[in-house]
Amino acid sequence: MLFHDGLGGSIVRSIIMLEQNDQKVDKPQVLSILKMLRSDLRQAVDSGSSLSSKEPAAPMEWGAPMRHRFAQLFEETSIRSQWHFEQAWLILPIALQCLTLTRVAEEALTNILKHSEASEVTVALTAAGSHELVLRIQDNGVGFDPQTVEAGLHVGLQSMQARISRLGGIFSISSAASHTAIQVILPLKPDLQLSS
């Protein structure tokens, strides 16, 4: 219900903004609104999907479909990709955490394809201690100013940040010429400990 309320609120805010704007609305503004609504719609869909979906049995199972899809795209654009996944979960993440990590990774990898001009990309999903899951995606592309995310110029990155924040996680970006890294740290509940 929370995500649906968020989507409804975003639609109402967007309508009000457009109605109250006496001047002509430019293309970037409309594009930004549509991207924000798309993001909120994905949240609503993901929320419903996570209720019926199962957690992947292992990190490799989580990453395999994405690796299959993006490795092929990277190969077609002459980007070398490396993929590193833990062999097993130390603590089982919930379905919504897995789904959120997938959406964040897909957004980040799509951005690399579209904007980075990179020749190398690395994707890693690892455990930090026993109570955190860490997703790290880095490339050697042209980079960008991470402060522009806070200024609202990167709706996709803001969306990723919001998704992780809703799950109590930490989303960070570092970027400079020839090095950009996105890192997500999600807390895991010890009561979901897998039996060995």
N, C-alpha and C. Protein backbone atom coordinates (compact mmCIF):
# COMPACT_ATOMS: atom_id res chain seq x y z
N MET A 1 0.83 -1.20 0.00
CA MET A 1 0.00 0.00 0.00
C MET A 1 0.86 1.26 0.00
N LEU A 2 1.97 1.21 0.73
CA LEU A 2 2.86 2.35 0.82
C LEU A 2 3.37 2.79 -0.55
N PHE A 3 3.77 1.80 -1.38
CA PHE A 3 4.32 2.15 -2.70
C PHE A 3 3.22 2.72 -3.60
N HIS A 4 2.01 2.14 -3.51
CA HIS A 4 0.91 2.66 -4.32
C HIS A 4 0.59 4.09 -3.91
N ASP A 5 0.63 4.36 -2.60
CA ASP A 5 0.40 5.74 -2.13
C ASP A 5 1.47 6.66 -2.68
N GLY A 6 2.73 6.17 -2.70
CA GLY A 6 3.82 6.98 -3.24
C GLY A 6 3.62 7.30 -4.70
N LEU A 7 3.15 6.33 -5.48
CA LEU A 7 2.89 6.55 -6.90
C LEU A 7 1.77 7.57 -7.08
N GLY A 8 0.70 7.42 -6.32
CA GLY A 8 -0.42 8.36 -6.40
C GLY A 8 0.02 9.78 -6.07
N GLY A 9 0.84 9.90 -5.02
CA GLY A 9 1.36 11.22 -4.63
C GLY A 9 2.22 11.83 -5.71
N SER A 10 3.04 11.01 -6.34
CA SER A 10 3.90 11.51 -7.42
C SER A 10 3.08 12.01 -8.61
N ILE A 11 2.03 11.27 -8.94
CA ILE A 11 1.16 11.68 -10.05
C ILE A 11 0.48 13.00 -9.72
N VAL A 12 -0.07 13.12 -8.52
CA VAL A 12 -0.74 14.36 -8.11
C VAL A 12 0.23 15.53 -8.13
N ARG A 13 1.45 15.34 -7.56
CA ARG A 13 2.46 16.41 -7.56
C ARG A 13 2.80 16.84 -8.99
N SER A 14 2.94 15.85 -9.88
CA SER A 14 3.30 16.15 -11.27
C SER A 14 2.20 16.94 -11.97
N ILE A 15 0.95 16.54 -11.74
CA ILE A 15 -0.18 17.24 -12.35
C ILE A 15 -0.24 18.68 -11.85
N ILE A 16 -0.09 18.87 -10.53
CA ILE A 16 -0.12 20.22 -9.95
C ILE A 16 1.00 21.08 -10.52
N MET A 17 2.20 20.50 -10.61
CA MET A 17 3.34 21.25 -11.13
C MET A 17 3.08 21.71 -12.57
N LEU A 18 2.52 20.81 -13.39
CA LEU A 18 2.25 21.16 -14.78
C LEU A 18 1.11 22.18 -14.88
N GLU A 19 0.09 22.03 -14.05
CA GLU A 19 -1.05 22.96 -14.09
C GLU A 19 -0.67 24.36 -13.61
N GLN A 20 0.21 24.42 -12.62
CA GLN A 20 0.57 25.73 -12.06
C GLN A 20 1.66 26.43 -12.84
N ASN A 21 2.28 25.73 -13.77
CA ASN A 21 3.36 26.32 -14.54
C ASN A 21 2.77 27.08 -15.73
N ASP A 22 2.70 28.41 -15.60
CA ASP A 22 2.11 29.24 -16.66
C ASP A 22 2.99 29.27 -17.91
N GLN A 23 4.28 29.10 -17.70
CA GLN A 23 5.18 29.14 -18.83
C GLN A 23 5.22 27.77 -19.51
N LYS A 24 5.77 27.78 -20.68
CA LYS A 24 5.91 26.54 -21.43
C LYS A 24 6.86 25.59 -20.68
N VAL A 25 6.46 24.34 -20.51
CA VAL A 25 7.30 23.35 -19.83
C VAL A 25 8.25 22.75 -20.86
N ASP A 26 9.55 22.74 -20.52
CA ASP A 26 10.51 22.23 -21.49
C ASP A 26 10.64 20.71 -21.42
N LYS A 27 11.22 20.17 -22.46
CA LYS A 27 11.34 18.71 -22.61
C LYS A 27 12.05 18.04 -21.42
N PRO A 28 13.20 18.58 -20.94
CA PRO A 28 13.87 17.93 -19.81
C PRO A 28 12.99 17.81 -18.56
N GLN A 29 12.16 18.84 -18.30
CA GLN A 29 11.26 18.78 -17.14
C GLN A 29 10.24 17.65 -17.29
N VAL A 30 9.62 17.57 -18.46
CA VAL A 30 8.63 16.52 -18.70
C VAL A 30 9.28 15.15 -18.65
N LEU A 31 10.48 15.03 -19.24
CA LEU A 31 11.20 13.76 -19.22
C LEU A 31 11.53 13.35 -17.79
N SER A 32 11.93 14.31 -16.97
CA SER A 32 12.25 14.05 -15.57
C SER A 32 11.02 13.55 -14.81
N ILE A 33 9.88 14.17 -15.06
CA ILE A 33 8.62 13.77 -14.42
C ILE A 33 8.25 12.34 -14.84
N LEU A 34 8.35 12.07 -16.13
CA LEU A 34 8.00 10.73 -16.62
C LEU A 34 8.93 9.66 -16.04
N LYS A 35 10.21 9.97 -15.93
CA LYS A 35 11.16 9.01 -15.35
C LYS A 35 10.84 8.76 -13.88
N MET A 36 10.49 9.83 -13.16
CA MET A 36 10.14 9.68 -11.75
C MET A 36 8.89 8.80 -11.61
N LEU A 37 7.89 9.02 -12.46
CA LEU A 37 6.67 8.22 -12.41
C LEU A 37 6.96 6.77 -12.78
N ARG A 38 7.82 6.56 -13.76
CA ARG A 38 8.21 5.20 -14.13
C ARG A 38 8.87 4.49 -12.95
N SER A 39 9.72 5.23 -12.26
CA SER A 39 10.41 4.66 -11.09
C SER A 39 9.41 4.28 -10.01
N ASP A 40 8.46 5.18 -9.73
CA ASP A 40 7.46 4.88 -8.70
C ASP A 40 6.56 3.73 -9.11
N LEU A 41 6.26 3.64 -10.41
CA LEU A 41 5.44 2.53 -10.90
C LEU A 41 6.20 1.22 -10.72
N ARG A 42 7.50 1.23 -11.02
CA ARG A 42 8.31 0.03 -10.81
C ARG A 42 8.29 -0.39 -9.34
N GLN A 43 8.36 0.62 -8.45
CA GLN A 43 8.30 0.33 -7.01
C GLN A 43 7.00 -0.39 -6.67
N ALA A 44 5.90 0.11 -7.21
CA ALA A 44 4.59 -0.49 -6.93
C ALA A 44 4.53 -1.92 -7.47
N VAL A 45 5.03 -2.10 -8.68
CA VAL A 45 5.03 -3.43 -9.29
C VAL A 45 5.94 -4.37 -8.50
N ASP A 46 7.13 -3.88 -8.15
CA ASP A 46 8.07 -4.70 -7.40
C ASP A 46 7.51 -5.10 -6.04
N SER A 47 6.80 -4.18 -5.42
CA SER A 47 6.20 -4.47 -4.12
C SER A 47 5.24 -5.65 -4.23
N GLY A 48 4.41 -5.64 -5.26
CA GLY A 48 3.48 -6.75 -5.48
C GLY A 48 4.19 -8.01 -5.87
N SER A 49 5.22 -7.88 -6.72
CA SER A 49 5.96 -9.05 -7.18
C SER A 49 6.68 -9.74 -6.04
N SER A 50 7.22 -8.95 -5.11
CA SER A 50 8.01 -9.54 -4.04
C SER A 50 7.16 -10.36 -3.09
N LEU A 51 5.87 -10.07 -3.04
CA LEU A 51 4.98 -10.83 -2.17
C LEU A 51 4.82 -12.26 -2.65
N SER A 52 4.88 -12.45 -3.97
CA SER A 52 4.66 -13.79 -4.52
C SER A 52 5.95 -14.47 -4.97
N SER A 53 7.08 -13.73 -5.00
CA SER A 53 8.31 -14.34 -5.49
C SER A 53 9.13 -14.95 -4.36
N LYS A 54 9.96 -15.91 -4.74
CA LYS A 54 10.84 -16.56 -3.78
C LYS A 54 12.23 -15.96 -3.88
N GLU A 55 12.95 -16.03 -2.78
CA GLU A 55 14.33 -15.58 -2.78
C GLU A 55 15.16 -16.57 -3.62
N PRO A 56 16.13 -16.07 -4.38
CA PRO A 56 17.01 -17.00 -5.11
C PRO A 56 17.76 -17.88 -4.12
N ALA A 57 18.01 -19.11 -4.49
CA ALA A 57 18.66 -20.07 -3.59
C ALA A 57 20.11 -19.69 -3.29
N ALA A 58 20.75 -18.97 -4.20
CA ALA A 58 22.16 -18.58 -4.02
C ALA A 58 22.42 -17.29 -4.79
N PRO A 59 23.47 -16.55 -4.43
CA PRO A 59 23.80 -15.32 -5.16
C PRO A 59 23.99 -15.54 -6.66
N MET A 60 24.58 -16.69 -7.03
CA MET A 60 24.75 -17.00 -8.46
C MET A 60 23.41 -17.06 -9.17
N GLU A 61 22.42 -17.62 -8.50
CA GLU A 61 21.07 -17.71 -9.08
C GLU A 61 20.47 -16.32 -9.22
N TRP A 62 20.76 -15.44 -8.25
CA TRP A 62 20.28 -14.06 -8.33
C TRP A 62 20.88 -13.36 -9.55
N GLY A 63 22.19 -13.54 -9.76
CA GLY A 63 22.88 -12.78 -10.79
C GLY A 63 22.85 -13.36 -12.19
N ALA A 64 22.55 -14.66 -12.31
CA ALA A 64 22.65 -15.33 -13.62
C ALA A 64 21.81 -14.69 -14.73
N PRO A 65 20.52 -14.39 -14.51
CA PRO A 65 19.73 -13.80 -15.61
C PRO A 65 20.28 -12.44 -16.06
N MET A 66 20.69 -11.62 -15.09
CA MET A 66 21.22 -10.30 -15.41
C MET A 66 22.56 -10.43 -16.14
N ARG A 67 23.40 -11.32 -15.65
CA ARG A 67 24.69 -11.54 -16.29
C ARG A 67 24.50 -12.00 -17.73
N HIS A 68 23.59 -12.91 -17.96
CA HIS A 68 23.32 -13.42 -19.30
C HIS A 68 22.91 -12.27 -20.24
N ARG A 69 22.00 -11.44 -19.77
CA ARG A 69 21.47 -10.35 -20.59
C ARG A 69 22.53 -9.28 -20.86
N PHE A 70 23.19 -8.81 -19.80
CA PHE A 70 24.10 -7.68 -19.96
C PHE A 70 25.46 -8.08 -20.52
N ALA A 71 25.95 -9.26 -20.21
CA ALA A 71 27.24 -9.69 -20.75
C ALA A 71 27.19 -9.69 -22.27
N GLN A 72 26.06 -10.09 -22.82
CA GLN A 72 25.89 -10.09 -24.27
C GLN A 72 25.89 -8.66 -24.82
N LEU A 73 25.17 -7.76 -24.15
CA LEU A 73 25.14 -6.36 -24.58
C LEU A 73 26.52 -5.72 -24.48
N PHE A 74 27.24 -6.02 -23.40
CA PHE A 74 28.59 -5.48 -23.23
C PHE A 74 29.52 -6.00 -24.33
N GLU A 75 29.40 -7.27 -24.63
CA GLU A 75 30.24 -7.87 -25.66
C GLU A 75 30.00 -7.19 -27.01
N GLU A 76 28.73 -6.91 -27.31
CA GLU A 76 28.38 -6.26 -28.58
C GLU A 76 28.93 -4.85 -28.67
N THR A 77 29.17 -4.21 -27.51
CA THR A 77 29.70 -2.84 -27.52
C THR A 77 31.16 -2.79 -27.08
N SER A 78 31.83 -3.93 -27.15
CA SER A 78 33.27 -4.03 -26.83
C SER A 78 33.61 -3.61 -25.41
N ILE A 79 32.74 -3.92 -24.46
CA ILE A 79 33.01 -3.67 -23.05
C ILE A 79 33.30 -5.02 -22.39
N ARG A 80 34.46 -5.16 -21.77
CA ARG A 80 34.78 -6.38 -21.04
C ARG A 80 34.06 -6.35 -19.70
N SER A 81 33.42 -7.44 -19.34
CA SER A 81 32.71 -7.48 -18.06
C SER A 81 33.20 -8.62 -17.20
N GLN A 82 33.28 -8.35 -15.91
CA GLN A 82 33.63 -9.36 -14.91
C GLN A 82 32.51 -9.42 -13.89
N TRP A 83 32.18 -10.63 -13.47
CA TRP A 83 31.05 -10.85 -12.56
C TRP A 83 31.52 -11.72 -11.40
N HIS A 84 31.31 -11.23 -10.19
CA HIS A 84 31.74 -11.97 -8.99
C HIS A 84 30.55 -12.11 -8.03
N PHE A 85 30.20 -13.34 -7.70
CA PHE A 85 29.11 -13.60 -6.77
C PHE A 85 29.55 -14.60 -5.71
N GLU A 86 29.08 -14.40 -4.48
CA GLU A 86 29.34 -15.38 -3.42
C GLU A 86 28.75 -16.72 -3.83
N GLN A 87 29.31 -17.79 -3.29
CA GLN A 87 28.79 -19.13 -3.59
C GLN A 87 27.44 -19.39 -2.92
N ALA A 88 27.27 -18.85 -1.70
CA ALA A 88 26.03 -19.10 -0.95
C ALA A 88 25.71 -17.88 -0.09
N TRP A 89 24.46 -17.73 0.26
CA TRP A 89 24.04 -16.67 1.18
C TRP A 89 24.51 -17.05 2.59
N LEU A 90 25.09 -16.11 3.32
CA LEU A 90 25.36 -16.35 4.74
C LEU A 90 24.06 -16.17 5.53
N ILE A 91 23.33 -15.13 5.14
CA ILE A 91 22.00 -14.88 5.69
C ILE A 91 21.09 -14.64 4.49
N LEU A 92 19.97 -15.29 4.47
CA LEU A 92 19.06 -15.21 3.33
C LEU A 92 18.40 -13.84 3.25
N PRO A 93 18.60 -13.11 2.14
CA PRO A 93 17.89 -11.83 1.97
C PRO A 93 16.42 -12.10 1.66
N ILE A 94 15.56 -11.12 1.94
CA ILE A 94 14.15 -11.28 1.60
C ILE A 94 13.97 -10.99 0.11
N ALA A 95 12.83 -11.43 -0.43
CA ALA A 95 12.57 -11.28 -1.87
C ALA A 95 12.64 -9.82 -2.32
N LEU A 96 12.11 -8.90 -1.50
CA LEU A 96 12.13 -7.48 -1.89
C LEU A 96 13.56 -6.94 -1.96
N GLN A 97 14.44 -7.41 -1.09
CA GLN A 97 15.83 -6.99 -1.16
C GLN A 97 16.48 -7.48 -2.46
N CYS A 98 16.22 -8.73 -2.81
CA CYS A 98 16.78 -9.28 -4.06
C CYS A 98 16.26 -8.52 -5.27
N LEU A 99 14.96 -8.25 -5.27
CA LEU A 99 14.33 -7.53 -6.37
C LEU A 99 14.89 -6.10 -6.48
N THR A 100 15.07 -5.45 -5.34
CA THR A 100 15.61 -4.09 -5.33
C THR A 100 17.04 -4.07 -5.84
N LEU A 101 17.85 -5.02 -5.39
CA LEU A 101 19.23 -5.10 -5.89
C LEU A 101 19.25 -5.32 -7.40
N THR A 102 18.33 -6.14 -7.89
CA THR A 102 18.24 -6.38 -9.34
C THR A 102 17.92 -5.09 -10.07
N ARG A 103 16.93 -4.35 -9.59
CA ARG A 103 16.53 -3.10 -10.25
C ARG A 103 17.67 -2.07 -10.23
N VAL A 104 18.35 -1.97 -9.11
CA VAL A 104 19.47 -1.03 -9.00
C VAL A 104 20.59 -1.43 -9.96
N ALA A 105 20.92 -2.71 -9.98
CA ALA A 105 21.98 -3.19 -10.88
C ALA A 105 21.60 -2.94 -12.34
N GLU A 106 20.35 -3.24 -12.70
CA GLU A 106 19.91 -3.03 -14.09
C GLU A 106 20.01 -1.56 -14.49
N GLU A 107 19.60 -0.68 -13.59
CA GLU A 107 19.67 0.76 -13.86
C GLU A 107 21.13 1.20 -14.03
N ALA A 108 21.99 0.74 -13.13
CA ALA A 108 23.40 1.12 -13.20
C ALA A 108 24.06 0.59 -14.47
N LEU A 109 23.78 -0.65 -14.82
CA LEU A 109 24.39 -1.25 -16.01
C LEU A 109 23.87 -0.60 -17.30
N THR A 110 22.60 -0.24 -17.30
CA THR A 110 22.02 0.47 -18.46
C THR A 110 22.69 1.83 -18.62
N ASN A 111 22.92 2.52 -17.49
CA ASN A 111 23.61 3.82 -17.53
C ASN A 111 25.02 3.67 -18.09
N ILE A 112 25.70 2.59 -17.71
CA ILE A 112 27.05 2.36 -18.23
C ILE A 112 27.01 2.19 -19.74
N LEU A 113 26.05 1.40 -20.22
CA LEU A 113 25.92 1.20 -21.66
C LEU A 113 25.63 2.50 -22.39
N LYS A 114 24.75 3.31 -21.81
CA LYS A 114 24.31 4.54 -22.49
C LYS A 114 25.31 5.68 -22.42
N HIS A 115 25.95 5.85 -21.24
CA HIS A 115 26.66 7.11 -21.00
C HIS A 115 28.15 7.01 -20.71
N SER A 116 28.64 5.86 -20.27
CA SER A 116 29.98 5.85 -19.66
C SER A 116 31.15 5.86 -20.64
N GLU A 117 30.95 5.32 -21.85
CA GLU A 117 32.05 5.14 -22.79
C GLU A 117 33.15 4.25 -22.19
N ALA A 118 32.74 3.34 -21.31
CA ALA A 118 33.68 2.45 -20.63
C ALA A 118 34.14 1.32 -21.54
N SER A 119 35.28 0.74 -21.19
CA SER A 119 35.75 -0.47 -21.87
C SER A 119 35.76 -1.66 -20.91
N GLU A 120 35.58 -1.38 -19.60
CA GLU A 120 35.56 -2.44 -18.60
C GLU A 120 34.50 -2.14 -17.54
N VAL A 121 33.84 -3.19 -17.10
CA VAL A 121 32.86 -3.06 -16.01
C VAL A 121 32.97 -4.30 -15.11
N THR A 122 32.81 -4.07 -13.82
CA THR A 122 32.85 -5.17 -12.86
C THR A 122 31.61 -5.11 -11.99
N VAL A 123 30.98 -6.25 -11.80
CA VAL A 123 29.79 -6.37 -10.94
C VAL A 123 30.11 -7.40 -9.87
N ALA A 124 29.93 -7.04 -8.60
CA ALA A 124 30.21 -7.98 -7.51
C ALA A 124 29.11 -7.91 -6.46
N LEU A 125 28.67 -9.07 -6.03
CA LEU A 125 27.72 -9.17 -4.91
C LEU A 125 28.40 -10.03 -3.85
N THR A 126 28.73 -9.40 -2.72
CA THR A 126 29.48 -10.08 -1.67
C THR A 126 28.83 -9.84 -0.31
N ALA A 127 29.31 -10.57 0.68
CA ALA A 127 28.85 -10.36 2.05
C ALA A 127 29.91 -9.56 2.79
N ALA A 128 29.47 -8.56 3.55
CA ALA A 128 30.38 -7.80 4.40
C ALA A 128 30.09 -8.26 5.82
N GLY A 129 30.98 -9.05 6.36
CA GLY A 129 30.66 -9.68 7.64
C GLY A 129 29.51 -10.64 7.40
N SER A 130 28.72 -10.87 8.40
CA SER A 130 27.61 -11.81 8.23
C SER A 130 26.25 -11.11 8.16
N HIS A 131 26.23 -9.79 8.35
CA HIS A 131 24.93 -9.13 8.43
C HIS A 131 24.68 -8.08 7.37
N GLU A 132 25.53 -8.03 6.35
CA GLU A 132 25.34 -7.06 5.27
C GLU A 132 25.63 -7.69 3.93
N LEU A 133 24.89 -7.25 2.95
CA LEU A 133 25.09 -7.66 1.57
C LEU A 133 25.58 -6.44 0.81
N VAL A 134 26.64 -6.60 0.02
CA VAL A 134 27.24 -5.47 -0.68
C VAL A 134 27.21 -5.72 -2.19
N LEU A 135 26.57 -4.80 -2.90
CA LEU A 135 26.59 -4.82 -4.36
C LEU A 135 27.50 -3.68 -4.81
N ARG A 136 28.48 -4.00 -5.64
CA ARG A 136 29.40 -2.97 -6.14
C ARG A 136 29.50 -3.11 -7.65
N ILE A 137 29.27 -1.99 -8.34
CA ILE A 137 29.35 -1.94 -9.80
C ILE A 137 30.30 -0.81 -10.16
N GLN A 138 31.35 -1.13 -10.91
CA GLN A 138 32.30 -0.08 -11.28
C GLN A 138 32.68 -0.19 -12.75
N ASP A 139 33.07 0.96 -13.30
CA ASP A 139 33.49 0.99 -14.70
C ASP A 139 34.64 1.97 -14.85
N ASN A 140 35.28 1.93 -16.01
CA ASN A 140 36.42 2.81 -16.28
C ASN A 140 36.06 3.89 -17.30
N GLY A 141 34.82 4.33 -17.28
CA GLY A 141 34.34 5.30 -18.26
C GLY A 141 34.69 6.74 -17.94
N VAL A 142 33.96 7.65 -18.58
CA VAL A 142 34.29 9.08 -18.50
C VAL A 142 33.94 9.71 -17.14
N GLY A 143 33.06 9.07 -16.38
CA GLY A 143 32.69 9.61 -15.07
C GLY A 143 31.72 10.77 -15.16
N PHE A 144 31.30 11.25 -13.99
CA PHE A 144 30.39 12.39 -13.89
C PHE A 144 30.52 12.96 -12.49
N ASP A 145 29.88 14.10 -12.25
CA ASP A 145 29.92 14.74 -10.94
C ASP A 145 28.81 14.16 -10.06
N PRO A 146 29.14 13.37 -9.02
CA PRO A 146 28.10 12.77 -8.17
C PRO A 146 27.18 13.78 -7.51
N GLN A 147 27.64 15.03 -7.35
CA GLN A 147 26.80 16.05 -6.72
C GLN A 147 25.59 16.41 -7.58
N THR A 148 25.67 16.10 -8.87
CA THR A 148 24.53 16.39 -9.75
C THR A 148 23.35 15.47 -9.42
N VAL A 149 23.60 14.35 -8.73
CA VAL A 149 22.51 13.47 -8.29
C VAL A 149 21.66 14.20 -7.26
N GLU A 150 22.34 14.82 -6.29
CA GLU A 150 21.62 15.58 -5.25
C GLU A 150 20.87 16.76 -5.86
N ALA A 151 21.41 17.30 -6.95
CA ALA A 151 20.76 18.45 -7.59
C ALA A 151 19.57 18.03 -8.45
N GLY A 152 19.31 16.72 -8.52
CA GLY A 152 18.14 16.24 -9.26
C GLY A 152 18.36 16.05 -10.74
N LEU A 153 19.63 16.03 -11.17
CA LEU A 153 19.90 15.93 -12.60
C LEU A 153 20.00 14.48 -13.09
N HIS A 154 19.99 13.54 -12.17
CA HIS A 154 20.07 12.12 -12.54
C HIS A 154 18.92 11.38 -11.86
N VAL A 155 17.76 11.37 -12.51
CA VAL A 155 16.56 10.78 -11.91
C VAL A 155 16.76 9.29 -11.63
N GLY A 156 17.43 8.58 -12.54
CA GLY A 156 17.66 7.15 -12.35
C GLY A 156 18.47 6.87 -11.10
N LEU A 157 19.53 7.66 -10.90
CA LEU A 157 20.37 7.46 -9.72
C LEU A 157 19.63 7.84 -8.45
N GLN A 158 18.82 8.90 -8.52
CA GLN A 158 18.00 9.28 -7.35
C GLN A 158 17.02 8.16 -7.01
N SER A 159 16.47 7.53 -8.03
CA SER A 159 15.54 6.43 -7.84
C SER A 159 16.24 5.27 -7.13
N MET A 160 17.45 4.94 -7.56
CA MET A 160 18.21 3.87 -6.92
C MET A 160 18.43 4.19 -5.44
N GLN A 161 18.84 5.42 -5.18
CA GLN A 161 19.10 5.87 -3.82
C GLN A 161 17.85 5.71 -2.96
N ALA A 162 16.70 6.11 -3.49
CA ALA A 162 15.45 6.04 -2.74
C ALA A 162 15.06 4.59 -2.47
N ARG A 163 15.25 3.71 -3.44
CA ARG A 163 14.91 2.29 -3.27
C ARG A 163 15.71 1.68 -2.13
N ILE A 164 17.01 1.97 -2.12
CA ILE A 164 17.89 1.39 -1.09
C ILE A 164 17.58 1.99 0.27
N SER A 165 17.32 3.27 0.30
CA SER A 165 16.99 3.95 1.56
C SER A 165 15.74 3.35 2.20
N ARG A 166 14.74 3.02 1.37
CA ARG A 166 13.49 2.43 1.89
C ARG A 166 13.74 1.10 2.60
N LEU A 167 14.82 0.43 2.23
CA LEU A 167 15.15 -0.86 2.85
C LEU A 167 16.19 -0.72 3.96
N GLY A 168 16.47 0.52 4.35
CA GLY A 168 17.43 0.76 5.42
C GLY A 168 18.87 0.58 5.01
N GLY A 169 19.12 0.62 3.70
CA GLY A 169 20.47 0.42 3.19
C GLY A 169 21.20 1.72 2.92
N ILE A 170 22.44 1.58 2.47
CA ILE A 170 23.29 2.73 2.15
C ILE A 170 23.66 2.65 0.67
N PHE A 171 23.48 3.78 -0.04
CA PHE A 171 23.79 3.88 -1.46
C PHE A 171 24.86 4.94 -1.63
N SER A 172 25.98 4.61 -2.24
CA SER A 172 27.03 5.60 -2.42
C SER A 172 27.59 5.56 -3.84
N ILE A 173 28.06 6.71 -4.27
CA ILE A 173 28.64 6.86 -5.61
C ILE A 173 29.97 7.57 -5.50
N SER A 174 30.97 7.06 -6.20
CA SER A 174 32.21 7.82 -6.37
C SER A 174 32.49 7.83 -7.86
N SER A 175 32.89 8.98 -8.37
CA SER A 175 33.12 9.06 -9.81
C SER A 175 34.17 10.11 -10.15
N ALA A 176 35.01 9.75 -11.10
CA ALA A 176 36.02 10.64 -11.67
C ALA A 176 36.32 10.08 -13.05
N ALA A 177 37.14 10.78 -13.79
CA ALA A 177 37.50 10.27 -15.11
C ALA A 177 38.15 8.91 -14.96
N SER A 178 37.70 7.96 -15.72
CA SER A 178 38.18 6.58 -15.78
C SER A 178 37.86 5.72 -14.55
N HIS A 179 37.00 6.21 -13.67
CA HIS A 179 36.58 5.36 -12.55
C HIS A 179 35.26 5.86 -11.96
N THR A 180 34.23 5.02 -12.07
CA THR A 180 32.95 5.28 -11.39
C THR A 180 32.57 4.01 -10.65
N ALA A 181 32.14 4.17 -9.41
CA ALA A 181 31.71 3.01 -8.61
C ALA A 181 30.42 3.35 -7.88
N ILE A 182 29.48 2.43 -7.98
CA ILE A 182 28.23 2.52 -7.21
C ILE A 182 28.26 1.37 -6.23
N GLN A 183 28.00 1.70 -4.97
CA GLN A 183 28.00 0.65 -3.95
C GLN A 183 26.70 0.71 -3.15
N VAL A 184 26.15 -0.47 -2.91
CA VAL A 184 24.94 -0.61 -2.12
C VAL A 184 25.25 -1.55 -0.97
N ILE A 185 24.90 -1.13 0.24
CA ILE A 185 25.04 -2.01 1.41
C ILE A 185 23.65 -2.20 2.00
N LEU A 186 23.20 -3.45 2.04
CA LEU A 186 21.88 -3.77 2.60
C LEU A 186 22.05 -4.58 3.88
N PRO A 187 21.37 -4.17 4.96
CA PRO A 187 21.44 -4.96 6.18
C PRO A 187 20.60 -6.22 6.05
N LEU A 188 21.10 -7.31 6.61
CA LEU A 188 20.39 -8.58 6.58
C LEU A 188 20.00 -8.96 8.01
N LYS A 189 18.84 -9.58 8.13
CA LYS A 189 18.36 -9.96 9.47
C LYS A 189 18.95 -11.31 9.85
N PRO A 190 19.59 -11.38 11.03
CA PRO A 190 20.20 -12.64 11.43
C PRO A 190 19.20 -13.77 11.67
N ASP A 191 17.93 -13.43 11.92
CA ASP A 191 16.96 -14.49 12.18
C ASP A 191 16.64 -15.29 10.92
N LEU A 192 17.15 -14.85 9.76
CA LEU A 192 16.95 -15.60 8.52
C LEU A 192 18.17 -16.45 8.21
N GLN A 193 19.04 -16.66 9.22
CA GLN A 193 20.27 -17.44 9.04
C GLN A 193 19.97 -18.79 8.41
N LEU A 194 20.75 -19.14 7.40
CA LEU A 194 20.58 -20.43 6.74
C LEU A 194 21.24 -21.52 7.57
N SER A 195 20.63 -22.66 7.60
CA SER A 195 21.24 -23.78 8.32
C SER A 195 22.36 -24.34 7.46
N SER A 196 23.46 -24.73 8.12
CA SER A 196 24.59 -25.23 7.34
C SER A 196 24.53 -26.73 7.19
